[in-house]
Amino acid sequence: MIGISKAQEVNSPTLSYAMTYQADLLPPQVVAPNRLVWDAPSGWVKSVDESTGKIIEPSGDWMTVTAPDGFSLDVRASILMDDGAQIYVEYKGRDKLTEQGLAKMQAAELLTSEDFYFITSPTVMTIAEKYLWMNDSTFVSKGVAFQPPTAEKMGYVRYDVCLVNM
């Protein structure tokens, strides 16, 4: 490669915890053999600075099934913070289940981070002054829990979100 020496030091980014959020999920709409639409009508957000909020409609995931154990996420979420601020979040991501995770999902059992590779990259838009810094920030999130919904009970997905620092 031109201009890069083998001895050149690379300053790697670091991550700092920003928030946890949980989106409640209704059973998915199966709109095609490889397309699921998950409605997320509610949920909660708790940030590192103790700000809290709730996920409101419209929110959901327009998921593509890439393999029996693989999924491509396409999420949009509306958040209403307890201070009245509105925040829009969208992200793409990947979810790859382990063999045990796939069995748990099929049995509607709780999956944890040991059951999947579940990584997303959220972007945020808001006009709320307190949260403007988020508009120009890069985030990475890790799925930490997934409770598949059933006809009798709403499910949820929970993420830990980190800010990428340079």
N, C-alpha and C. Protein backbone atom coordinates (compact mmCIF):
# COMPACT_ATOMS: atom_id res chain seq x y z
N MET A 1 0.84 -1.17 0.00
CA MET A 1 0.00 0.00 0.00
C MET A 1 0.88 1.24 0.00
N ILE A 2 0.50 2.18 -0.76
CA ILE A 2 1.26 3.41 -0.88
C ILE A 2 1.01 4.31 0.32
N GLY A 3 2.07 4.84 0.91
CA GLY A 3 1.96 5.81 1.99
C GLY A 3 1.75 5.23 3.37
N ILE A 4 1.71 3.93 3.52
CA ILE A 4 1.51 3.33 4.84
C ILE A 4 2.67 2.38 5.09
N SER A 5 3.38 2.64 6.18
CA SER A 5 4.49 1.75 6.52
C SER A 5 4.00 0.70 7.52
N LYS A 6 4.68 -0.41 7.57
CA LYS A 6 4.30 -1.48 8.48
C LYS A 6 4.44 -1.04 9.93
N ALA A 7 5.32 -0.11 10.20
CA ALA A 7 5.56 0.32 11.56
C ALA A 7 4.62 1.43 12.01
N GLN A 8 3.77 1.92 11.12
CA GLN A 8 2.87 3.02 11.46
C GLN A 8 1.90 2.58 12.56
N GLU A 9 1.79 3.41 13.57
CA GLU A 9 0.90 3.11 14.68
C GLU A 9 -0.52 3.53 14.33
N VAL A 10 -1.48 2.71 14.71
CA VAL A 10 -2.88 3.01 14.45
C VAL A 10 -3.54 3.36 15.78
N ASN A 11 -4.23 4.50 15.80
CA ASN A 11 -5.00 4.89 16.97
C ASN A 11 -6.39 4.29 16.86
N SER A 12 -6.62 3.23 17.59
CA SER A 12 -7.90 2.55 17.52
C SER A 12 -8.96 3.30 18.33
N PRO A 13 -10.19 3.29 17.84
CA PRO A 13 -11.26 3.92 18.63
C PRO A 13 -11.55 3.10 19.88
N THR A 14 -12.14 3.75 20.86
CA THR A 14 -12.57 3.08 22.08
C THR A 14 -14.08 3.23 22.20
N LEU A 15 -14.65 2.43 23.05
CA LEU A 15 -16.09 2.49 23.27
C LEU A 15 -16.37 2.91 24.70
N SER A 16 -17.43 3.71 24.88
CA SER A 16 -17.90 4.03 26.22
C SER A 16 -19.41 3.80 26.26
N TYR A 17 -19.85 3.19 27.34
CA TYR A 17 -21.26 2.86 27.50
C TYR A 17 -22.11 4.13 27.44
N ALA A 18 -23.19 4.10 26.66
CA ALA A 18 -24.07 5.25 26.52
C ALA A 18 -25.47 4.99 27.07
N MET A 19 -26.04 3.82 26.78
CA MET A 19 -27.41 3.55 27.21
C MET A 19 -27.77 2.09 27.01
N THR A 20 -28.89 1.72 27.60
CA THR A 20 -29.53 0.44 27.36
C THR A 20 -30.96 0.75 26.95
N TYR A 21 -31.46 -0.01 25.99
CA TYR A 21 -32.88 0.14 25.68
C TYR A 21 -33.48 -1.20 25.35
N GLN A 22 -34.78 -1.25 25.57
CA GLN A 22 -35.54 -2.46 25.29
C GLN A 22 -36.75 -2.09 24.44
N ALA A 23 -36.91 -2.80 23.33
CA ALA A 23 -38.08 -2.64 22.47
C ALA A 23 -38.98 -3.85 22.67
N ASP A 24 -40.22 -3.59 23.03
CA ASP A 24 -41.20 -4.66 23.15
C ASP A 24 -41.64 -5.05 21.75
N LEU A 25 -41.89 -6.34 21.54
CA LEU A 25 -42.17 -6.86 20.20
C LEU A 25 -43.46 -7.67 20.15
N LEU A 26 -44.24 -7.41 19.11
CA LEU A 26 -45.38 -8.25 18.78
C LEU A 26 -44.88 -9.36 17.86
N PRO A 27 -45.64 -10.45 17.71
CA PRO A 27 -45.22 -11.48 16.75
C PRO A 27 -45.03 -10.86 15.36
N PRO A 28 -44.03 -11.33 14.62
CA PRO A 28 -43.73 -10.70 13.33
C PRO A 28 -44.80 -10.98 12.27
N GLN A 29 -44.93 -10.02 11.38
CA GLN A 29 -45.74 -10.22 10.18
C GLN A 29 -44.81 -10.88 9.15
N VAL A 30 -45.21 -12.01 8.63
CA VAL A 30 -44.42 -12.70 7.61
C VAL A 30 -44.95 -12.22 6.26
N VAL A 31 -44.20 -11.30 5.62
CA VAL A 31 -44.69 -10.67 4.39
C VAL A 31 -44.09 -11.29 3.13
N ALA A 32 -43.09 -12.14 3.31
CA ALA A 32 -42.46 -12.87 2.20
C ALA A 32 -41.66 -14.00 2.86
N PRO A 33 -41.22 -14.99 2.08
CA PRO A 33 -40.47 -16.09 2.68
C PRO A 33 -39.24 -15.65 3.48
N ASN A 34 -38.64 -14.55 3.09
CA ASN A 34 -37.44 -14.10 3.78
C ASN A 34 -37.61 -12.70 4.40
N ARG A 35 -38.84 -12.25 4.60
CA ARG A 35 -39.05 -10.90 5.13
C ARG A 35 -40.04 -10.93 6.29
N LEU A 36 -39.58 -10.42 7.45
CA LEU A 36 -40.41 -10.31 8.64
C LEU A 36 -40.51 -8.84 9.03
N VAL A 37 -41.69 -8.40 9.41
CA VAL A 37 -41.87 -7.04 9.92
C VAL A 37 -42.30 -7.16 11.38
N TRP A 38 -41.44 -6.64 12.26
CA TRP A 38 -41.69 -6.69 13.70
C TRP A 38 -42.19 -5.33 14.16
N ASP A 39 -43.37 -5.28 14.73
CA ASP A 39 -43.90 -4.05 15.32
C ASP A 39 -43.36 -3.95 16.74
N ALA A 40 -42.81 -2.78 17.07
CA ALA A 40 -42.28 -2.52 18.41
C ALA A 40 -43.07 -1.35 19.00
N PRO A 41 -44.24 -1.61 19.58
CA PRO A 41 -45.13 -0.54 19.99
C PRO A 41 -44.73 0.17 21.28
N SER A 42 -43.79 -0.39 22.03
CA SER A 42 -43.42 0.22 23.31
C SER A 42 -42.03 -0.24 23.70
N GLY A 43 -41.57 0.26 24.82
CA GLY A 43 -40.26 -0.10 25.34
C GLY A 43 -39.71 1.01 26.20
N TRP A 44 -38.46 0.91 26.57
CA TRP A 44 -37.85 1.90 27.44
C TRP A 44 -36.39 2.16 27.07
N VAL A 45 -35.88 3.30 27.54
CA VAL A 45 -34.50 3.73 27.31
C VAL A 45 -33.96 4.25 28.64
N LYS A 46 -32.74 3.86 28.99
CA LYS A 46 -32.06 4.39 30.18
C LYS A 46 -30.62 4.71 29.78
N SER A 47 -30.25 6.00 29.91
CA SER A 47 -28.90 6.39 29.49
C SER A 47 -27.96 6.50 30.67
N VAL A 48 -26.68 6.59 30.36
CA VAL A 48 -25.64 6.63 31.38
C VAL A 48 -25.80 7.87 32.27
N ASP A 49 -26.36 8.95 31.75
CA ASP A 49 -26.56 10.16 32.56
C ASP A 49 -27.90 10.13 33.32
N GLU A 50 -28.53 8.97 33.36
CA GLU A 50 -29.78 8.70 34.06
C GLU A 50 -31.00 9.31 33.38
N SER A 51 -30.86 9.79 32.14
CA SER A 51 -32.02 10.20 31.35
C SER A 51 -32.80 8.94 30.99
N THR A 52 -34.12 9.07 30.97
CA THR A 52 -34.95 7.92 30.63
C THR A 52 -35.99 8.34 29.59
N GLY A 53 -36.52 7.35 28.92
CA GLY A 53 -37.54 7.61 27.93
C GLY A 53 -38.26 6.33 27.58
N LYS A 54 -39.15 6.45 26.60
CA LYS A 54 -39.88 5.27 26.16
C LYS A 54 -39.93 5.21 24.65
N ILE A 55 -39.95 4.00 24.13
CA ILE A 55 -40.11 3.78 22.70
C ILE A 55 -41.60 3.92 22.41
N ILE A 56 -41.91 4.69 21.36
CA ILE A 56 -43.30 4.92 20.99
C ILE A 56 -43.51 4.53 19.53
N GLU A 57 -44.75 4.40 19.14
CA GLU A 57 -45.07 4.10 17.74
C GLU A 57 -44.94 5.36 16.91
N PRO A 58 -44.54 5.23 15.67
CA PRO A 58 -44.20 4.00 14.97
C PRO A 58 -42.75 3.60 15.22
N SER A 59 -42.55 2.33 15.48
CA SER A 59 -41.22 1.76 15.65
C SER A 59 -41.28 0.30 15.22
N GLY A 60 -40.20 -0.18 14.59
CA GLY A 60 -40.19 -1.58 14.18
C GLY A 60 -38.95 -1.95 13.42
N ASP A 61 -38.92 -3.21 13.02
CA ASP A 61 -37.79 -3.79 12.29
C ASP A 61 -38.33 -4.45 11.02
N TRP A 62 -37.78 -4.06 9.89
CA TRP A 62 -38.10 -4.65 8.60
C TRP A 62 -36.97 -5.64 8.28
N MET A 63 -37.03 -6.81 8.88
CA MET A 63 -35.95 -7.78 8.91
C MET A 63 -35.94 -8.67 7.66
N THR A 64 -34.72 -8.95 7.19
CA THR A 64 -34.54 -9.92 6.11
C THR A 64 -33.89 -11.17 6.70
N VAL A 65 -34.48 -12.32 6.41
CA VAL A 65 -33.91 -13.60 6.84
C VAL A 65 -32.86 -13.97 5.80
N THR A 66 -31.60 -14.07 6.22
CA THR A 66 -30.50 -14.35 5.30
C THR A 66 -30.09 -15.82 5.29
N ALA A 67 -30.50 -16.54 6.34
CA ALA A 67 -30.22 -17.98 6.50
C ALA A 67 -31.15 -18.46 7.61
N PRO A 68 -31.30 -19.75 7.79
CA PRO A 68 -32.17 -20.21 8.89
C PRO A 68 -31.76 -19.64 10.25
N ASP A 69 -30.48 -19.31 10.39
CA ASP A 69 -29.98 -18.77 11.66
C ASP A 69 -29.39 -17.37 11.52
N GLY A 70 -29.69 -16.67 10.42
CA GLY A 70 -29.11 -15.36 10.18
C GLY A 70 -30.15 -14.34 9.75
N PHE A 71 -29.94 -13.10 10.22
CA PHE A 71 -30.91 -12.04 9.96
C PHE A 71 -30.19 -10.72 9.71
N SER A 72 -30.75 -9.94 8.81
CA SER A 72 -30.27 -8.59 8.54
C SER A 72 -31.33 -7.63 9.06
N LEU A 73 -30.93 -6.75 9.96
CA LEU A 73 -31.87 -5.85 10.63
C LEU A 73 -31.97 -4.52 9.88
N ASP A 74 -33.15 -3.95 9.89
CA ASP A 74 -33.43 -2.64 9.31
C ASP A 74 -34.45 -1.97 10.22
N VAL A 75 -33.96 -1.31 11.27
CA VAL A 75 -34.80 -0.82 12.36
C VAL A 75 -34.95 0.70 12.30
N ARG A 76 -36.16 1.14 12.63
CA ARG A 76 -36.46 2.55 12.85
C ARG A 76 -37.25 2.65 14.14
N ALA A 77 -36.86 3.57 15.01
CA ALA A 77 -37.53 3.68 16.30
C ALA A 77 -37.74 5.15 16.67
N SER A 78 -38.89 5.41 17.25
CA SER A 78 -39.22 6.73 17.79
C SER A 78 -39.12 6.65 19.30
N ILE A 79 -38.45 7.62 19.88
CA ILE A 79 -38.25 7.64 21.33
C ILE A 79 -38.77 8.98 21.87
N LEU A 80 -39.52 8.91 22.94
CA LEU A 80 -39.98 10.09 23.66
C LEU A 80 -39.30 10.07 25.02
N MET A 81 -38.38 10.99 25.23
CA MET A 81 -37.68 11.06 26.50
C MET A 81 -38.61 11.64 27.56
N ASP A 82 -38.33 11.33 28.82
CA ASP A 82 -39.18 11.81 29.90
C ASP A 82 -39.15 13.33 30.05
N ASP A 83 -38.12 13.98 29.49
CA ASP A 83 -38.06 15.45 29.50
C ASP A 83 -38.79 16.06 28.30
N GLY A 84 -39.47 15.25 27.50
CA GLY A 84 -40.25 15.73 26.36
C GLY A 84 -39.52 15.72 25.03
N ALA A 85 -38.23 15.45 25.04
CA ALA A 85 -37.45 15.43 23.80
C ALA A 85 -37.86 14.22 22.96
N GLN A 86 -37.90 14.43 21.64
CA GLN A 86 -38.16 13.33 20.73
C GLN A 86 -36.87 12.99 19.99
N ILE A 87 -36.62 11.69 19.87
CA ILE A 87 -35.40 11.20 19.23
C ILE A 87 -35.79 10.12 18.22
N TYR A 88 -35.20 10.20 17.05
CA TYR A 88 -35.40 9.19 16.02
C TYR A 88 -34.11 8.39 15.89
N VAL A 89 -34.22 7.07 15.89
CA VAL A 89 -33.06 6.20 15.77
C VAL A 89 -33.31 5.24 14.61
N GLU A 90 -32.27 5.04 13.80
CA GLU A 90 -32.36 4.02 12.77
C GLU A 90 -31.04 3.27 12.73
N TYR A 91 -31.13 2.01 12.36
CA TYR A 91 -29.89 1.23 12.26
C TYR A 91 -30.08 -0.01 11.43
N LYS A 92 -28.96 -0.43 10.92
CA LYS A 92 -28.81 -1.72 10.25
C LYS A 92 -27.98 -2.59 11.19
N GLY A 93 -28.03 -3.87 10.97
CA GLY A 93 -27.24 -4.75 11.81
C GLY A 93 -27.36 -6.19 11.39
N ARG A 94 -26.65 -7.04 12.10
CA ARG A 94 -26.63 -8.47 11.82
C ARG A 94 -26.94 -9.23 13.10
N ASP A 95 -27.67 -10.32 12.92
CA ASP A 95 -27.97 -11.22 14.01
C ASP A 95 -27.72 -12.63 13.49
N LYS A 96 -26.80 -13.33 14.10
CA LYS A 96 -26.45 -14.70 13.71
C LYS A 96 -26.58 -15.56 14.96
N LEU A 97 -27.51 -16.50 14.92
CA LEU A 97 -27.78 -17.36 16.07
C LEU A 97 -26.83 -18.54 16.12
N THR A 98 -26.49 -18.94 17.33
CA THR A 98 -25.79 -20.21 17.51
C THR A 98 -26.82 -21.33 17.33
N GLU A 99 -26.35 -22.55 17.30
CA GLU A 99 -27.27 -23.69 17.20
C GLU A 99 -28.23 -23.69 18.40
N GLN A 100 -27.68 -23.43 19.59
CA GLN A 100 -28.49 -23.37 20.81
C GLN A 100 -29.47 -22.19 20.73
N GLY A 101 -29.02 -21.06 20.20
CA GLY A 101 -29.89 -19.89 20.07
C GLY A 101 -31.05 -20.14 19.13
N LEU A 102 -30.79 -20.83 18.03
CA LEU A 102 -31.86 -21.15 17.09
C LEU A 102 -32.90 -22.04 17.75
N ALA A 103 -32.46 -23.03 18.52
CA ALA A 103 -33.39 -23.92 19.22
C ALA A 103 -34.21 -23.13 20.24
N LYS A 104 -33.55 -22.21 20.96
CA LYS A 104 -34.27 -21.39 21.94
C LYS A 104 -35.31 -20.50 21.25
N MET A 105 -34.93 -19.91 20.12
CA MET A 105 -35.87 -19.04 19.40
C MET A 105 -37.09 -19.85 18.95
N GLN A 106 -36.86 -21.02 18.41
CA GLN A 106 -37.96 -21.85 17.94
C GLN A 106 -38.87 -22.29 19.09
N ALA A 107 -38.32 -22.40 20.30
CA ALA A 107 -39.09 -22.78 21.48
C ALA A 107 -39.64 -21.56 22.24
N ALA A 108 -39.41 -20.35 21.70
CA ALA A 108 -39.84 -19.09 22.33
C ALA A 108 -39.23 -18.91 23.72
N GLU A 109 -37.98 -19.36 23.88
CA GLU A 109 -37.25 -19.19 25.13
C GLU A 109 -36.36 -17.96 25.05
N LEU A 110 -35.99 -17.42 26.21
CA LEU A 110 -35.13 -16.25 26.28
C LEU A 110 -33.74 -16.55 25.73
N LEU A 111 -33.27 -15.72 24.80
CA LEU A 111 -31.91 -15.80 24.27
C LEU A 111 -31.08 -14.71 24.91
N THR A 112 -29.81 -15.02 25.20
CA THR A 112 -28.88 -14.03 25.74
C THR A 112 -27.72 -13.86 24.78
N SER A 113 -26.80 -13.00 25.12
CA SER A 113 -25.67 -12.72 24.23
C SER A 113 -24.81 -13.95 23.96
N GLU A 114 -24.95 -15.00 24.74
CA GLU A 114 -24.24 -16.26 24.47
C GLU A 114 -24.87 -17.03 23.31
N ASP A 115 -26.09 -16.65 22.94
CA ASP A 115 -26.84 -17.38 21.93
C ASP A 115 -26.77 -16.76 20.54
N PHE A 116 -26.09 -15.62 20.41
CA PHE A 116 -26.06 -14.95 19.11
C PHE A 116 -24.93 -13.96 18.98
N TYR A 117 -24.60 -13.65 17.74
CA TYR A 117 -23.78 -12.49 17.37
C TYR A 117 -24.81 -11.47 16.91
N PHE A 118 -24.95 -10.34 17.62
CA PHE A 118 -26.05 -9.41 17.39
C PHE A 118 -25.50 -8.00 17.54
N ILE A 119 -25.08 -7.41 16.43
CA ILE A 119 -24.41 -6.11 16.44
C ILE A 119 -25.12 -5.15 15.49
N THR A 120 -25.31 -3.91 15.94
CA THR A 120 -25.92 -2.88 15.10
C THR A 120 -25.11 -1.60 15.19
N SER A 121 -25.43 -0.66 14.30
CA SER A 121 -24.77 0.65 14.28
C SER A 121 -25.82 1.75 14.19
N PRO A 122 -26.38 2.17 15.33
CA PRO A 122 -27.45 3.17 15.31
C PRO A 122 -26.96 4.57 14.94
N THR A 123 -27.82 5.28 14.23
CA THR A 123 -27.65 6.72 14.02
C THR A 123 -28.86 7.41 14.63
N VAL A 124 -28.64 8.62 15.10
CA VAL A 124 -29.65 9.34 15.87
C VAL A 124 -29.91 10.69 15.23
N MET A 125 -31.18 11.10 15.24
CA MET A 125 -31.56 12.45 14.80
C MET A 125 -32.52 13.04 15.82
N THR A 126 -32.25 14.28 16.20
CA THR A 126 -33.11 14.99 17.13
C THR A 126 -32.88 16.50 16.98
N ILE A 127 -33.87 17.28 17.38
CA ILE A 127 -33.70 18.74 17.44
C ILE A 127 -33.64 19.21 18.89
N ALA A 128 -33.71 18.27 19.83
CA ALA A 128 -33.66 18.59 21.25
C ALA A 128 -32.24 19.00 21.63
N GLU A 129 -32.10 20.19 22.17
CA GLU A 129 -30.78 20.75 22.47
C GLU A 129 -29.93 19.83 23.35
N LYS A 130 -30.53 19.24 24.37
CA LYS A 130 -29.78 18.38 25.29
C LYS A 130 -29.13 17.20 24.58
N TYR A 131 -29.74 16.73 23.48
CA TYR A 131 -29.28 15.52 22.81
C TYR A 131 -28.65 15.79 21.43
N LEU A 132 -28.43 17.06 21.09
CA LEU A 132 -27.88 17.38 19.76
C LEU A 132 -26.55 16.69 19.50
N TRP A 133 -25.74 16.50 20.52
CA TRP A 133 -24.44 15.86 20.35
C TRP A 133 -24.58 14.48 19.71
N MET A 134 -25.73 13.83 19.90
CA MET A 134 -25.93 12.49 19.36
C MET A 134 -26.04 12.49 17.84
N ASN A 135 -26.49 13.61 17.25
CA ASN A 135 -26.65 13.68 15.80
C ASN A 135 -25.35 13.44 15.05
N ASP A 136 -24.24 13.83 15.65
CA ASP A 136 -22.94 13.72 15.00
C ASP A 136 -22.06 12.63 15.62
N SER A 137 -22.65 11.75 16.37
CA SER A 137 -21.90 10.69 17.05
C SER A 137 -22.10 9.35 16.35
N THR A 138 -21.14 8.47 16.57
CA THR A 138 -21.22 7.11 16.05
C THR A 138 -21.43 6.18 17.22
N PHE A 139 -22.39 5.28 17.06
CA PHE A 139 -22.72 4.32 18.10
C PHE A 139 -22.61 2.90 17.57
N VAL A 140 -22.35 1.98 18.47
CA VAL A 140 -22.38 0.55 18.18
C VAL A 140 -23.20 -0.08 19.30
N SER A 141 -24.09 -0.98 18.93
CA SER A 141 -24.87 -1.63 19.98
C SER A 141 -24.75 -3.14 19.86
N LYS A 142 -24.95 -3.77 20.99
CA LYS A 142 -24.87 -5.23 21.09
C LYS A 142 -26.19 -5.72 21.67
N GLY A 143 -26.81 -6.66 20.97
CA GLY A 143 -28.00 -7.29 21.52
C GLY A 143 -27.61 -8.12 22.72
N VAL A 144 -28.31 -7.93 23.84
CA VAL A 144 -27.97 -8.68 25.06
C VAL A 144 -29.08 -9.64 25.49
N ALA A 145 -30.30 -9.45 24.95
CA ALA A 145 -31.39 -10.35 25.28
C ALA A 145 -32.46 -10.27 24.20
N PHE A 146 -33.06 -11.42 23.91
CA PHE A 146 -34.18 -11.48 22.97
C PHE A 146 -35.17 -12.51 23.49
N GLN A 147 -36.36 -12.03 23.81
CA GLN A 147 -37.45 -12.92 24.20
C GLN A 147 -38.43 -12.96 23.04
N PRO A 148 -38.48 -14.07 22.30
CA PRO A 148 -39.42 -14.13 21.18
C PRO A 148 -40.86 -13.97 21.67
N PRO A 149 -41.66 -13.19 20.95
CA PRO A 149 -43.06 -13.05 21.33
C PRO A 149 -43.84 -14.30 20.94
N THR A 150 -44.95 -14.49 21.60
CA THR A 150 -45.88 -15.56 21.25
C THR A 150 -47.26 -14.94 21.05
N ALA A 151 -48.22 -15.72 20.64
CA ALA A 151 -49.58 -15.23 20.48
C ALA A 151 -50.15 -14.78 21.82
N GLU A 152 -49.65 -15.33 22.91
CA GLU A 152 -50.16 -15.00 24.25
C GLU A 152 -49.37 -13.90 24.95
N LYS A 153 -48.12 -13.68 24.54
CA LYS A 153 -47.25 -12.78 25.32
C LYS A 153 -46.34 -11.97 24.41
N MET A 154 -46.25 -10.67 24.69
CA MET A 154 -45.34 -9.80 23.95
C MET A 154 -43.90 -10.20 24.26
N GLY A 155 -43.02 -10.09 23.29
CA GLY A 155 -41.61 -10.36 23.50
C GLY A 155 -40.84 -9.05 23.63
N TYR A 156 -39.51 -9.15 23.58
CA TYR A 156 -38.68 -7.95 23.61
C TYR A 156 -37.29 -8.26 23.09
N VAL A 157 -36.61 -7.19 22.73
CA VAL A 157 -35.20 -7.24 22.41
C VAL A 157 -34.53 -6.14 23.22
N ARG A 158 -33.36 -6.43 23.82
CA ARG A 158 -32.66 -5.45 24.65
C ARG A 158 -31.23 -5.28 24.12
N TYR A 159 -30.80 -4.04 24.09
CA TYR A 159 -29.48 -3.68 23.56
C TYR A 159 -28.70 -2.86 24.59
N ASP A 160 -27.40 -3.03 24.62
CA ASP A 160 -26.47 -2.09 25.25
C ASP A 160 -25.83 -1.30 24.12
N VAL A 161 -25.83 0.03 24.27
CA VAL A 161 -25.34 0.92 23.22
C VAL A 161 -24.09 1.64 23.73
N CYS A 162 -23.06 1.67 22.88
CA CYS A 162 -21.82 2.35 23.22
C CYS A 162 -21.51 3.45 22.22
N LEU A 163 -20.93 4.53 22.72
CA LEU A 163 -20.44 5.62 21.90
C LEU A 163 -19.04 5.26 21.43
N VAL A 164 -18.77 5.49 20.16
CA VAL A 164 -17.43 5.25 19.61
C VAL A 164 -16.62 6.53 19.78
N ASN A 165 -15.48 6.43 20.49
CA ASN A 165 -14.62 7.58 20.78
C ASN A 165 -13.33 7.45 19.97
N MET A 166 -12.82 8.56 19.49
CA MET A 166 -11.54 8.58 18.78
C MET A 166 -10.46 9.18 19.65
